[in-house]
Amino acid sequence: MTDQKISGSCCGGSCGSGTATDVQGIGVTTVYKISGMTCGHCESAVSQEISALQGVTGVTAVAQTGEVTVTSTTELDQEAVRAAVDEAGYELVGKA
């Protein structure tokens, strides 16, 4: 594991847990790249905001890779995902 500190993080990377919030569902699975996640709190914040989007059935966020896997009943609008990630305090880079 490399020690990276990314500006704009909730905690500067000092509490990295390496854990994911994992809720499995069925449907369309999309992986997004998120900038700024460094710890379990970051994973939770991003997961909570994306989970609130209509049609989302599961979210797995992994700070170590900066990836969030989202399962939804239909394809999500990328701008809606971007807004949710922004609300959590991070930046959507795009689809992984």
N, C-alpha and C. Protein backbone atom coordinates (compact mmCIF):
# COMPACT_ATOMS: atom_id res chain seq x y z
N MET A 1 0.84 -1.17 0.00
CA MET A 1 0.00 0.00 0.00
C MET A 1 0.88 1.23 0.00
N THR A 2 0.62 2.14 -0.90
CA THR A 2 1.40 3.37 -0.95
C THR A 2 0.74 4.43 -0.10
N ASP A 3 1.53 5.30 0.46
CA ASP A 3 1.02 6.37 1.30
C ASP A 3 0.84 7.61 0.45
N GLN A 4 -0.42 7.91 0.10
CA GLN A 4 -0.70 9.08 -0.72
C GLN A 4 -1.61 10.01 0.05
N LYS A 5 -1.33 11.28 -0.07
CA LYS A 5 -2.21 12.30 0.51
C LYS A 5 -2.72 13.15 -0.63
N ILE A 6 -4.03 13.23 -0.74
CA ILE A 6 -4.65 13.98 -1.81
C ILE A 6 -5.36 15.18 -1.21
N SER A 7 -5.06 16.35 -1.72
CA SER A 7 -5.68 17.58 -1.23
C SER A 7 -7.19 17.50 -1.41
N GLY A 8 -7.91 18.00 -0.44
CA GLY A 8 -9.36 18.01 -0.52
C GLY A 8 -9.99 16.81 0.15
N SER A 9 -9.21 15.91 0.68
CA SER A 9 -9.73 14.75 1.36
C SER A 9 -10.34 15.14 2.69
N CYS A 10 -11.21 14.30 3.20
CA CYS A 10 -11.86 14.60 4.47
C CYS A 10 -10.89 14.56 5.63
N CYS A 11 -9.82 13.80 5.51
CA CYS A 11 -8.93 13.64 6.66
C CYS A 11 -7.46 13.63 6.27
N GLY A 12 -7.14 13.98 5.05
CA GLY A 12 -5.74 14.03 4.63
C GLY A 12 -5.10 12.66 4.49
N GLY A 13 -5.89 11.61 4.53
CA GLY A 13 -5.36 10.27 4.32
C GLY A 13 -4.85 9.60 5.57
N SER A 14 -5.10 10.17 6.74
CA SER A 14 -4.52 9.62 7.96
C SER A 14 -5.31 8.46 8.55
N CYS A 15 -6.51 8.17 8.03
CA CYS A 15 -7.30 7.10 8.63
C CYS A 15 -7.68 6.04 7.60
N GLY A 16 -6.85 5.80 6.62
CA GLY A 16 -7.15 4.84 5.58
C GLY A 16 -7.48 3.47 6.14
N SER A 17 -8.63 2.94 5.76
CA SER A 17 -9.07 1.67 6.31
C SER A 17 -8.92 0.53 5.30
N GLY A 18 -8.94 0.88 4.01
CA GLY A 18 -8.85 -0.16 2.99
C GLY A 18 -10.11 -0.99 2.89
N THR A 19 -11.20 -0.58 3.55
CA THR A 19 -12.43 -1.35 3.51
C THR A 19 -13.40 -0.72 2.53
N ALA A 20 -14.38 -1.51 2.11
CA ALA A 20 -15.38 -1.04 1.18
C ALA A 20 -16.76 -1.19 1.79
N THR A 21 -17.64 -0.28 1.44
CA THR A 21 -19.04 -0.44 1.78
C THR A 21 -19.64 -1.24 0.64
N ASP A 22 -20.17 -2.40 0.93
CA ASP A 22 -20.57 -3.31 -0.12
C ASP A 22 -22.02 -3.76 0.06
N VAL A 23 -22.87 -3.35 -0.88
CA VAL A 23 -24.25 -3.79 -0.90
C VAL A 23 -24.50 -4.30 -2.30
N GLN A 24 -24.77 -5.59 -2.44
CA GLN A 24 -24.92 -6.18 -3.77
C GLN A 24 -26.36 -6.12 -4.25
N GLY A 25 -26.54 -5.92 -5.53
CA GLY A 25 -27.85 -5.91 -6.15
C GLY A 25 -27.75 -6.50 -7.55
N ILE A 26 -28.83 -6.40 -8.31
CA ILE A 26 -28.82 -6.89 -9.68
C ILE A 26 -29.12 -5.74 -10.62
N GLY A 27 -28.71 -5.86 -11.87
CA GLY A 27 -28.98 -4.82 -12.85
C GLY A 27 -27.73 -4.41 -13.58
N VAL A 28 -27.63 -3.13 -13.88
CA VAL A 28 -26.50 -2.55 -14.61
C VAL A 28 -25.39 -2.23 -13.61
N THR A 29 -24.17 -2.67 -13.93
CA THR A 29 -23.03 -2.37 -13.06
C THR A 29 -22.07 -1.44 -13.80
N THR A 30 -21.73 -0.32 -13.16
CA THR A 30 -20.83 0.67 -13.73
C THR A 30 -19.76 1.00 -12.71
N VAL A 31 -18.51 1.11 -13.17
CA VAL A 31 -17.41 1.48 -12.29
C VAL A 31 -16.98 2.90 -12.63
N TYR A 32 -16.94 3.74 -11.60
CA TYR A 32 -16.54 5.14 -11.74
C TYR A 32 -15.22 5.38 -11.03
N LYS A 33 -14.45 6.31 -11.56
CA LYS A 33 -13.20 6.74 -10.93
C LYS A 33 -13.49 8.04 -10.18
N ILE A 34 -13.13 8.07 -8.89
CA ILE A 34 -13.39 9.22 -8.03
C ILE A 34 -12.06 9.75 -7.51
N SER A 35 -11.88 11.05 -7.54
CA SER A 35 -10.67 11.68 -7.03
C SER A 35 -10.89 12.20 -5.62
N GLY A 36 -9.93 11.92 -4.73
CA GLY A 36 -9.95 12.49 -3.39
C GLY A 36 -10.27 11.53 -2.26
N MET A 37 -10.75 10.33 -2.55
CA MET A 37 -11.05 9.38 -1.48
C MET A 37 -9.76 8.81 -0.91
N THR A 38 -9.64 8.83 0.42
CA THR A 38 -8.41 8.31 1.03
C THR A 38 -8.65 7.36 2.20
N CYS A 39 -9.91 7.22 2.64
CA CYS A 39 -10.15 6.42 3.84
C CYS A 39 -11.57 5.87 3.87
N GLY A 40 -11.86 5.15 4.93
CA GLY A 40 -13.19 4.58 5.11
C GLY A 40 -14.29 5.62 5.21
N HIS A 41 -13.99 6.74 5.84
CA HIS A 41 -14.99 7.82 5.92
C HIS A 41 -15.32 8.34 4.52
N CYS A 42 -14.30 8.48 3.69
CA CYS A 42 -14.51 8.92 2.30
C CYS A 42 -15.40 7.93 1.56
N GLU A 43 -15.09 6.64 1.71
CA GLU A 43 -15.88 5.59 1.06
C GLU A 43 -17.34 5.69 1.49
N SER A 44 -17.56 5.88 2.78
CA SER A 44 -18.91 5.96 3.31
C SER A 44 -19.66 7.18 2.78
N ALA A 45 -19.00 8.32 2.75
CA ALA A 45 -19.64 9.55 2.27
C ALA A 45 -20.06 9.43 0.81
N VAL A 46 -19.17 8.92 -0.03
CA VAL A 46 -19.48 8.75 -1.45
C VAL A 46 -20.58 7.71 -1.63
N SER A 47 -20.47 6.59 -0.92
CA SER A 47 -21.47 5.53 -1.03
C SER A 47 -22.86 6.02 -0.63
N GLN A 48 -22.93 6.79 0.45
CA GLN A 48 -24.21 7.29 0.94
C GLN A 48 -24.87 8.20 -0.10
N GLU A 49 -24.12 9.11 -0.69
CA GLU A 49 -24.69 10.03 -1.67
C GLU A 49 -25.13 9.31 -2.94
N ILE A 50 -24.31 8.39 -3.44
CA ILE A 50 -24.67 7.66 -4.66
C ILE A 50 -25.84 6.73 -4.40
N SER A 51 -25.89 6.12 -3.22
CA SER A 51 -26.99 5.21 -2.87
C SER A 51 -28.35 5.91 -2.89
N ALA A 52 -28.35 7.22 -2.67
CA ALA A 52 -29.60 7.98 -2.65
C ALA A 52 -30.18 8.22 -4.04
N LEU A 53 -29.40 7.95 -5.09
CA LEU A 53 -29.90 8.16 -6.46
C LEU A 53 -30.96 7.11 -6.79
N GLN A 54 -31.98 7.54 -7.50
CA GLN A 54 -33.06 6.64 -7.89
C GLN A 54 -32.53 5.50 -8.75
N GLY A 55 -32.91 4.28 -8.39
CA GLY A 55 -32.53 3.10 -9.16
C GLY A 55 -31.27 2.41 -8.68
N VAL A 56 -30.51 3.04 -7.78
CA VAL A 56 -29.28 2.42 -7.28
C VAL A 56 -29.63 1.30 -6.31
N THR A 57 -29.06 0.12 -6.57
CA THR A 57 -29.32 -1.05 -5.71
C THR A 57 -28.09 -1.49 -4.94
N GLY A 58 -26.91 -0.98 -5.29
CA GLY A 58 -25.70 -1.34 -4.57
C GLY A 58 -24.54 -0.42 -4.91
N VAL A 59 -23.69 -0.17 -3.91
CA VAL A 59 -22.51 0.67 -4.10
C VAL A 59 -21.34 0.06 -3.35
N THR A 60 -20.20 -0.03 -4.03
CA THR A 60 -18.96 -0.46 -3.38
C THR A 60 -17.91 0.59 -3.70
N ALA A 61 -17.43 1.28 -2.66
CA ALA A 61 -16.41 2.31 -2.83
C ALA A 61 -15.10 1.80 -2.22
N VAL A 62 -14.00 1.98 -2.94
CA VAL A 62 -12.69 1.55 -2.46
C VAL A 62 -11.72 2.73 -2.59
N ALA A 63 -11.39 3.32 -1.46
CA ALA A 63 -10.51 4.50 -1.46
C ALA A 63 -9.14 4.18 -2.05
N GLN A 64 -8.62 3.01 -1.75
CA GLN A 64 -7.28 2.65 -2.21
C GLN A 64 -7.14 2.71 -3.73
N THR A 65 -8.19 2.35 -4.45
CA THR A 65 -8.14 2.37 -5.92
C THR A 65 -8.82 3.61 -6.50
N GLY A 66 -9.62 4.30 -5.67
CA GLY A 66 -10.36 5.45 -6.16
C GLY A 66 -11.53 5.06 -7.04
N GLU A 67 -11.98 3.82 -6.89
CA GLU A 67 -13.07 3.35 -7.73
C GLU A 67 -14.34 3.10 -6.92
N VAL A 68 -15.46 3.38 -7.55
CA VAL A 68 -16.76 3.11 -6.97
C VAL A 68 -17.54 2.28 -7.97
N THR A 69 -17.98 1.10 -7.55
CA THR A 69 -18.78 0.23 -8.39
C THR A 69 -20.23 0.43 -7.99
N VAL A 70 -21.06 0.79 -8.97
CA VAL A 70 -22.46 1.09 -8.72
C VAL A 70 -23.32 0.10 -9.50
N THR A 71 -24.25 -0.53 -8.81
CA THR A 71 -25.23 -1.39 -9.46
C THR A 71 -26.57 -0.68 -9.40
N SER A 72 -27.25 -0.65 -10.53
CA SER A 72 -28.53 0.06 -10.61
C SER A 72 -29.49 -0.70 -11.51
N THR A 73 -30.75 -0.36 -11.37
CA THR A 73 -31.77 -1.04 -12.18
C THR A 73 -31.68 -0.66 -13.64
N THR A 74 -31.21 0.56 -13.94
CA THR A 74 -31.00 1.03 -15.31
C THR A 74 -29.72 1.85 -15.34
N GLU A 75 -29.26 2.19 -16.52
CA GLU A 75 -28.07 3.04 -16.68
C GLU A 75 -28.33 4.38 -16.00
N LEU A 76 -27.38 4.83 -15.17
CA LEU A 76 -27.52 6.10 -14.47
C LEU A 76 -27.04 7.26 -15.33
N ASP A 77 -27.67 8.41 -15.13
CA ASP A 77 -27.22 9.63 -15.77
C ASP A 77 -25.90 10.05 -15.13
N GLN A 78 -24.85 10.20 -15.92
CA GLN A 78 -23.53 10.52 -15.36
C GLN A 78 -23.53 11.86 -14.63
N GLU A 79 -24.34 12.81 -15.07
CA GLU A 79 -24.40 14.10 -14.38
C GLU A 79 -25.03 13.97 -13.00
N ALA A 80 -25.97 13.05 -12.85
CA ALA A 80 -26.58 12.80 -11.54
C ALA A 80 -25.54 12.17 -10.60
N VAL A 81 -24.74 11.26 -11.15
CA VAL A 81 -23.67 10.65 -10.35
C VAL A 81 -22.64 11.72 -9.98
N ARG A 82 -22.29 12.56 -10.93
CA ARG A 82 -21.33 13.65 -10.67
C ARG A 82 -21.83 14.56 -9.55
N ALA A 83 -23.12 14.91 -9.60
CA ALA A 83 -23.70 15.78 -8.57
C ALA A 83 -23.66 15.10 -7.19
N ALA A 84 -23.93 13.81 -7.14
CA ALA A 84 -23.89 13.08 -5.87
C ALA A 84 -22.46 13.04 -5.31
N VAL A 85 -21.50 12.79 -6.18
CA VAL A 85 -20.09 12.75 -5.76
C VAL A 85 -19.65 14.14 -5.30
N ASP A 86 -20.05 15.17 -6.02
CA ASP A 86 -19.75 16.56 -5.62
C ASP A 86 -20.34 16.86 -4.24
N GLU A 87 -21.57 16.43 -4.02
CA GLU A 87 -22.24 16.66 -2.73
C GLU A 87 -21.46 16.00 -1.58
N ALA A 88 -20.83 14.86 -1.87
CA ALA A 88 -20.03 14.17 -0.86
C ALA A 88 -18.68 14.85 -0.63
N GLY A 89 -18.31 15.76 -1.56
CA GLY A 89 -17.05 16.50 -1.40
C GLY A 89 -15.90 15.95 -2.21
N TYR A 90 -16.20 15.17 -3.25
CA TYR A 90 -15.16 14.56 -4.07
C TYR A 90 -15.43 14.88 -5.54
N GLU A 91 -14.56 14.39 -6.42
CA GLU A 91 -14.69 14.70 -7.84
C GLU A 91 -14.82 13.43 -8.67
N LEU A 92 -15.85 13.38 -9.51
CA LEU A 92 -16.01 12.28 -10.45
C LEU A 92 -15.07 12.52 -11.61
N VAL A 93 -14.13 11.59 -11.81
CA VAL A 93 -13.18 11.70 -12.92
C VAL A 93 -13.85 11.16 -14.19
N GLY A 94 -14.61 10.10 -14.06
CA GLY A 94 -15.30 9.49 -15.19
C GLY A 94 -15.49 8.01 -14.95
N LYS A 95 -15.89 7.32 -15.98
CA LYS A 95 -16.04 5.86 -15.87
C LYS A 95 -14.66 5.24 -15.94
N ALA A 96 -14.46 4.20 -15.15
CA ALA A 96 -13.16 3.52 -15.11
C ALA A 96 -13.01 2.59 -16.28
